[in-house]
Amino acid sequence: MKSTLYSAAILLFLVIYAAMPAGAENLGKQPDVFVSIPPQKYFVKQIAGDRANIRVMVEPGSHPATYEPAPSQMRAVSKCDLYFAIGVPFEKAWLKKFKSVNPEMNIVRTDAWIEKQPVDRGRGKPDSGADHGSRDPHIWLSPPLVMIQARHILTALISADPENMEFYESGYRKFIAELAELDEKLRGLFPPGGKKPEFLVFHPAWGYFADAYGLKQTAVEAEGKSPKPAEIRRIVGHAEKKQIKLLLVQPQISTRTADMIAREIGGKTITADPLAENWAKNLMEVAAGISKAAR
């Protein structure tokens, strides 16, 4: 009886083995990956597919400026292979702690090679040539800059899992083609030579997006602080002069002041989540809203 069961088990194994895709038996361990924010999960997924186990550090509804990892996340970090950093504020305090609990983990800075711009560049301040202080971390909202980030992701995945280099390179090529197509669609919404669309944004998250497509972002908030009454009057006056009717808000931040400004200028607010995981769809929706409001 045991011999019959053993023979049946061997036969079942051979049937399953024969049905496996070529090379599947050599896939080995899937890299365990952490990313800081949800859009990065989208980027890694496009390149790695199901070959990587991807976790997001900043959970939905949280803010990457003030986030503190949960104990369960620290336990998961202690076992992961790669951490893709992107330069959001909480990383300054936590990357060293992540490394201390997992010295073997490779921390990959996907913002390398990207020159960060002043976060207050959309507030109409005169350019004295001096350093404006804080730098804008929102590089993931510009498809051309995501192309640079994708290269860092590809290199790290190959280093962690060299046996599947061709698989990752194939995913990378498809992702770059997707980014180029998205970039072309976005440029089609804002053709050169016309009026430069300007929009208000409560939190200055969309500066790199504006840079890429010839737009102008005017921020309401300054370095994480809500505007004082005099500043609100200046912003309302600027919006009325420029006939700006759109104010972008994000779900992680209270919209009370933004709603009040929108009423004052006879405009409207739209929710534009810079942390949306459905990244490409999100960019197209935000761009369509800006384009429609500028007509």
Protein backbone atom coordinates (compact mmCIF):
# COMPACT_ATOMS: atom_id res chain seq x y z
CA MET A 1 0.00 0.00 0.00
CA LYS A 2 2.80 2.39 0.95
CA SER A 3 4.60 1.50 -2.29
CA THR A 4 1.45 2.28 -4.30
CA LEU A 5 1.02 5.66 -2.56
CA TYR A 6 4.72 6.46 -3.08
CA SER A 7 4.47 5.62 -6.79
CA ALA A 8 1.35 7.77 -7.12
CA ALA A 9 3.11 10.69 -5.42
CA ILE A 10 6.10 10.39 -7.77
CA LEU A 11 3.77 10.25 -10.78
CA LEU A 12 1.91 13.37 -9.56
CA PHE A 13 5.23 15.22 -9.11
CA LEU A 14 6.32 14.33 -12.66
CA VAL A 15 3.02 15.55 -14.10
CA ILE A 16 3.32 18.88 -12.23
CA TYR A 17 6.99 19.22 -13.17
CA ALA A 18 6.23 18.61 -16.86
CA ALA A 19 3.55 21.34 -16.77
CA MET A 20 5.86 23.97 -15.27
CA PRO A 21 7.08 26.76 -17.57
CA ALA A 22 10.64 26.42 -18.78
CA GLY A 23 13.07 27.68 -16.18
CA ALA A 24 10.44 27.95 -13.46
CA GLU A 25 12.24 25.36 -11.37
CA ASN A 26 15.20 27.76 -11.11
CA LEU A 27 13.30 30.84 -9.98
CA GLY A 28 14.67 30.62 -6.47
CA LYS A 29 13.68 32.95 -3.64
CA GLN A 30 11.63 35.98 -4.58
CA PRO A 31 13.19 39.23 -3.35
CA ASP A 32 11.39 40.78 -0.37
CA VAL A 33 11.05 44.48 -1.08
CA PHE A 34 9.94 47.52 0.89
CA VAL A 35 9.04 50.87 -0.67
CA SER A 36 8.29 54.10 1.16
CA ILE A 37 5.09 55.16 -0.61
CA PRO A 38 2.35 53.51 -2.73
CA PRO A 39 3.36 54.93 -6.15
CA GLN A 40 6.72 53.15 -5.79
CA LYS A 41 4.87 49.86 -5.44
CA TYR A 42 3.40 50.52 -8.87
CA PHE A 43 6.87 51.18 -10.31
CA VAL A 44 8.45 48.05 -8.83
CA LYS A 45 5.45 45.95 -9.85
CA GLN A 46 5.76 47.02 -13.48
CA ILE A 47 9.37 45.82 -13.57
CA ALA A 48 9.30 42.83 -11.23
CA GLY A 49 5.76 41.55 -11.78
CA ASP A 50 5.11 38.72 -9.34
CA ARG A 51 8.82 38.04 -8.91
CA ALA A 52 9.06 40.36 -5.90
CA ASN A 53 7.11 40.52 -2.64
CA ILE A 54 6.41 44.23 -2.28
CA ARG A 55 5.35 46.00 0.91
CA VAL A 56 4.58 49.70 1.38
CA MET A 57 5.82 51.54 4.47
CA VAL A 58 3.53 54.62 4.50
CA GLU A 59 0.06 53.15 4.82
CA PRO A 60 -3.02 54.69 3.11
CA GLY A 61 -4.27 57.80 4.87
CA SER A 62 -0.88 58.51 6.44
CA HIS A 63 1.53 61.32 5.59
CA PRO A 64 5.16 60.62 4.60
CA ALA A 65 6.36 63.71 6.46
CA THR A 66 5.38 62.41 9.88
CA TYR A 67 5.02 58.64 9.46
CA GLU A 68 6.28 56.24 12.12
CA PRO A 69 6.54 52.54 11.20
CA ALA A 70 4.47 50.01 13.13
CA PRO A 71 6.28 47.24 15.07
CA SER A 72 5.03 44.69 12.52
CA GLN A 73 6.65 46.73 9.75
CA MET A 74 9.96 46.84 11.61
CA ARG A 75 9.86 43.05 11.93
CA ALA A 76 9.21 42.76 8.20
CA VAL A 77 12.06 45.20 7.42
CA SER A 78 14.42 43.02 9.45
CA LYS A 79 13.89 40.22 6.91
CA CYS A 80 13.69 42.06 3.60
CA ASP A 81 16.30 42.21 0.84
CA LEU A 82 15.75 45.66 -0.67
CA TYR A 83 14.43 49.00 0.53
CA PHE A 84 13.64 51.55 -2.18
CA ALA A 85 13.96 55.04 -0.66
CA ILE A 86 12.73 58.09 -2.54
CA GLY A 87 13.66 61.04 -0.33
CA VAL A 88 10.43 61.64 1.60
CA PRO A 89 10.91 63.31 5.00
CA PHE A 90 10.33 60.35 7.34
CA GLU A 91 13.26 58.49 5.74
CA LYS A 92 15.75 60.92 7.31
CA ALA A 93 14.96 59.56 10.75
CA TRP A 94 14.17 55.96 9.87
CA LEU A 95 16.56 54.67 7.18
CA LYS A 96 19.39 54.33 9.70
CA LYS A 97 17.08 52.46 12.05
CA PHE A 98 16.02 50.14 9.24
CA LYS A 99 19.67 49.44 8.48
CA SER A 100 20.41 48.77 12.13
CA VAL A 101 17.79 46.01 12.32
CA ASN A 102 18.87 44.58 8.95
CA PRO A 103 22.51 45.32 8.09
CA GLU A 104 22.38 43.04 5.03
CA MET A 105 19.47 44.92 3.43
CA ASN A 106 20.34 47.02 0.38
CA ILE A 107 18.89 50.53 0.69
CA VAL A 108 18.46 51.90 -2.84
CA ARG A 109 18.04 55.66 -3.21
CA THR A 110 15.88 55.98 -6.30
CA ASP A 111 16.16 59.78 -6.17
CA ALA A 112 19.88 59.59 -7.03
CA TRP A 113 20.83 61.63 -10.13
CA ILE A 114 17.73 63.83 -9.71
CA GLU A 115 18.23 67.48 -8.81
CA LYS A 116 15.63 68.46 -6.23
CA GLN A 117 13.93 71.84 -6.66
CA PRO A 118 12.97 74.31 -3.89
CA VAL A 119 9.62 73.37 -2.40
CA ASP A 120 8.54 77.03 -2.35
CA ARG A 121 9.25 77.73 -6.03
CA GLY A 122 5.53 78.07 -6.73
CA ARG A 123 4.86 80.88 -4.26
CA GLY A 124 5.90 83.78 -6.44
CA LYS A 125 8.91 84.76 -4.36
CA PRO A 126 11.70 86.67 -6.13
CA ASP A 127 14.66 84.53 -7.07
CA SER A 128 17.70 86.00 -5.33
CA GLY A 129 19.91 83.07 -6.24
CA ALA A 130 19.97 82.02 -2.61
CA ASP A 131 19.02 78.60 -1.30
CA HIS A 132 15.25 78.44 -0.75
CA GLY A 133 15.58 75.91 2.05
CA SER A 134 13.48 72.75 1.88
CA ARG A 135 13.64 70.68 -1.28
CA ASP A 136 10.60 69.19 -2.97
CA PRO A 137 10.53 65.37 -2.59
CA HIS A 138 7.60 64.70 -4.98
CA ILE A 139 9.72 63.39 -7.88
CA TRP A 140 7.37 60.46 -8.46
CA LEU A 141 4.73 62.77 -10.01
CA SER A 142 6.84 63.45 -13.12
CA PRO A 143 6.97 60.60 -15.68
CA PRO A 144 10.36 61.76 -17.07
CA LEU A 145 11.82 61.60 -13.55
CA VAL A 146 10.21 58.19 -12.96
CA MET A 147 12.25 56.93 -15.93
CA ILE A 148 15.38 57.66 -13.89
CA GLN A 149 13.91 55.97 -10.83
CA ALA A 150 13.00 52.90 -12.89
CA ARG A 151 16.65 52.42 -13.84
CA HIS A 152 17.67 52.34 -10.17
CA ILE A 153 14.93 49.80 -9.47
CA LEU A 154 16.04 47.57 -12.34
CA THR A 155 19.69 47.62 -11.26
CA ALA A 156 18.82 46.71 -7.68
CA LEU A 157 16.48 43.87 -8.64
CA ILE A 158 19.11 42.33 -10.91
CA SER A 159 21.71 42.63 -8.16
CA ALA A 160 19.38 40.87 -5.69
CA ASP A 161 18.19 38.21 -8.14
CA PRO A 162 20.69 37.90 -11.03
CA GLU A 163 19.24 34.61 -12.30
CA ASN A 164 16.16 36.51 -13.47
CA MET A 165 17.95 39.41 -15.13
CA GLU A 166 16.20 38.90 -18.48
CA PHE A 167 12.79 38.87 -16.79
CA TYR A 168 13.46 42.19 -15.04
CA GLU A 169 14.94 43.76 -18.17
CA SER A 170 11.82 42.79 -20.12
CA GLY A 171 9.58 44.37 -17.48
CA TYR A 172 11.76 47.48 -17.46
CA ARG A 173 11.52 47.91 -21.23
CA LYS A 174 7.73 47.57 -21.12
CA PHE A 175 7.53 50.09 -18.26
CA ILE A 176 9.70 52.63 -20.09
CA ALA A 177 7.44 52.26 -23.13
CA GLU A 178 4.41 52.82 -20.88
CA LEU A 179 6.02 55.93 -19.38
CA ALA A 180 6.81 57.32 -22.84
CA GLU A 181 3.21 56.76 -23.94
CA LEU A 182 1.84 58.40 -20.80
CA ASP A 183 4.20 61.34 -21.23
CA GLU A 184 2.99 61.82 -24.81
CA LYS A 185 -0.67 61.78 -23.71
CA LEU A 186 -0.01 64.33 -20.97
CA ARG A 187 1.85 66.62 -23.37
CA GLY A 188 -1.12 66.37 -25.71
CA LEU A 189 -3.33 67.92 -23.01
CA PHE A 190 -1.00 70.92 -22.69
CA PRO A 191 0.35 71.78 -26.16
CA PRO A 192 3.22 74.31 -26.29
CA GLY A 193 2.66 77.83 -27.48
CA GLY A 194 -0.65 78.42 -25.77
CA LYS A 195 -1.46 79.99 -22.44
CA LYS A 196 0.51 78.43 -19.61
CA PRO A 197 -2.17 76.86 -17.37
CA GLU A 198 -1.85 77.87 -13.73
CA PHE A 199 -3.49 76.15 -10.81
CA LEU A 200 -3.58 76.55 -7.05
CA VAL A 201 -2.54 73.67 -4.86
CA PHE A 202 -2.88 73.56 -1.10
CA HIS A 203 0.18 71.40 -0.42
CA PRO A 204 2.95 72.03 -3.00
CA ALA A 205 3.16 68.46 -4.30
CA TRP A 206 2.73 69.00 -8.04
CA GLY A 207 5.75 71.14 -8.89
CA TYR A 208 7.67 68.50 -10.88
CA PHE A 209 4.50 67.60 -12.76
CA ALA A 210 4.04 71.29 -13.59
CA ASP A 211 7.70 71.58 -14.64
CA ALA A 212 7.35 68.64 -17.03
CA TYR A 213 4.26 69.93 -18.85
CA GLY A 214 4.66 73.69 -18.96
CA LEU A 215 2.26 74.43 -16.13
CA LYS A 216 2.51 76.70 -13.11
CA GLN A 217 1.74 75.61 -9.57
CA THR A 218 0.92 78.26 -6.97
CA ALA A 219 1.01 76.86 -3.46
CA VAL A 220 -1.27 77.90 -0.60
CA GLU A 221 0.59 76.13 2.19
CA ALA A 222 4.14 77.18 3.07
CA GLU A 223 6.52 74.55 4.55
CA GLY A 224 3.70 72.59 6.13
CA LYS A 225 1.98 75.63 7.64
CA SER A 226 -1.48 76.90 6.72
CA PRO A 227 -1.53 80.50 5.43
CA LYS A 228 -2.33 83.44 7.66
CA PRO A 229 -5.21 85.79 6.73
CA ALA A 230 -2.90 88.28 4.94
CA GLU A 231 -1.42 85.47 2.86
CA ILE A 232 -4.88 84.15 2.00
CA ARG A 233 -5.86 87.62 0.75
CA ARG A 234 -2.73 87.72 -1.41
CA ILE A 235 -3.46 84.28 -2.87
CA VAL A 236 -7.10 85.16 -3.58
CA GLY A 237 -6.03 88.40 -5.27
CA HIS A 238 -3.48 86.54 -7.38
CA ALA A 239 -6.05 83.91 -8.40
CA GLU A 240 -8.59 86.58 -9.36
CA LYS A 241 -6.01 88.48 -11.39
CA LYS A 242 -4.88 85.33 -13.24
CA GLN A 243 -8.45 83.96 -13.47
CA ILE A 244 -7.46 80.74 -11.70
CA LYS A 245 -10.50 78.64 -10.86
CA LEU A 246 -8.97 75.36 -9.66
CA LEU A 247 -7.41 74.37 -6.35
CA LEU A 248 -5.92 70.89 -5.87
CA VAL A 249 -6.29 69.29 -2.44
CA GLN A 250 -5.10 65.95 -1.15
CA PRO A 251 -6.95 63.52 1.12
CA GLN A 252 -4.20 63.45 3.76
CA ILE A 253 -4.73 67.14 4.62
CA SER A 254 -7.77 69.09 5.91
CA THR A 255 -9.55 70.99 3.12
CA ARG A 256 -11.29 73.65 5.26
CA THR A 257 -9.00 76.53 4.23
CA ALA A 258 -8.88 75.31 0.63
CA ASP A 259 -12.67 75.21 0.41
CA MET A 260 -12.86 78.76 1.74
CA ILE A 261 -10.34 80.00 -0.86
CA ALA A 262 -12.22 78.20 -3.66
CA ARG A 263 -15.43 79.99 -2.64
CA GLU A 264 -13.65 83.35 -2.59
CA ILE A 265 -12.34 82.93 -6.16
CA GLY A 266 -15.57 81.40 -7.49
CA GLY A 267 -13.73 78.21 -8.32
CA LYS A 268 -13.66 74.62 -7.13
CA THR A 269 -11.42 72.09 -5.46
CA ILE A 270 -10.57 68.67 -6.83
CA THR A 271 -8.91 65.87 -4.91
CA ALA A 272 -5.47 65.05 -6.31
CA ASP A 273 -3.79 62.35 -4.24
CA PRO A 274 -0.01 62.40 -4.77
CA LEU A 275 0.21 59.05 -2.96
CA ALA A 276 -2.29 57.11 -5.10
CA GLU A 277 -1.01 53.63 -5.96
CA ASN A 278 -2.91 53.59 -9.27
CA TRP A 279 -0.29 56.02 -10.46
CA ALA A 280 -0.78 56.36 -14.22
CA LYS A 281 -4.58 56.63 -13.98
CA ASN A 282 -4.21 59.20 -11.20
CA LEU A 283 -1.89 61.43 -13.26
CA MET A 284 -4.23 61.35 -16.24
CA GLU A 285 -7.23 62.29 -14.08
CA VAL A 286 -5.41 65.18 -12.41
CA ALA A 287 -4.10 66.43 -15.76
CA ALA A 288 -7.57 66.27 -17.31
CA GLY A 289 -8.95 68.33 -14.40
CA ILE A 290 -6.27 71.00 -14.81
CA SER A 291 -6.73 71.10 -18.59
CA LYS A 292 -10.51 71.45 -18.32
CA ALA A 293 -10.28 74.23 -15.73
CA ALA A 294 -7.81 76.19 -17.90
CA ARG A 295 -10.15 76.39 -20.91
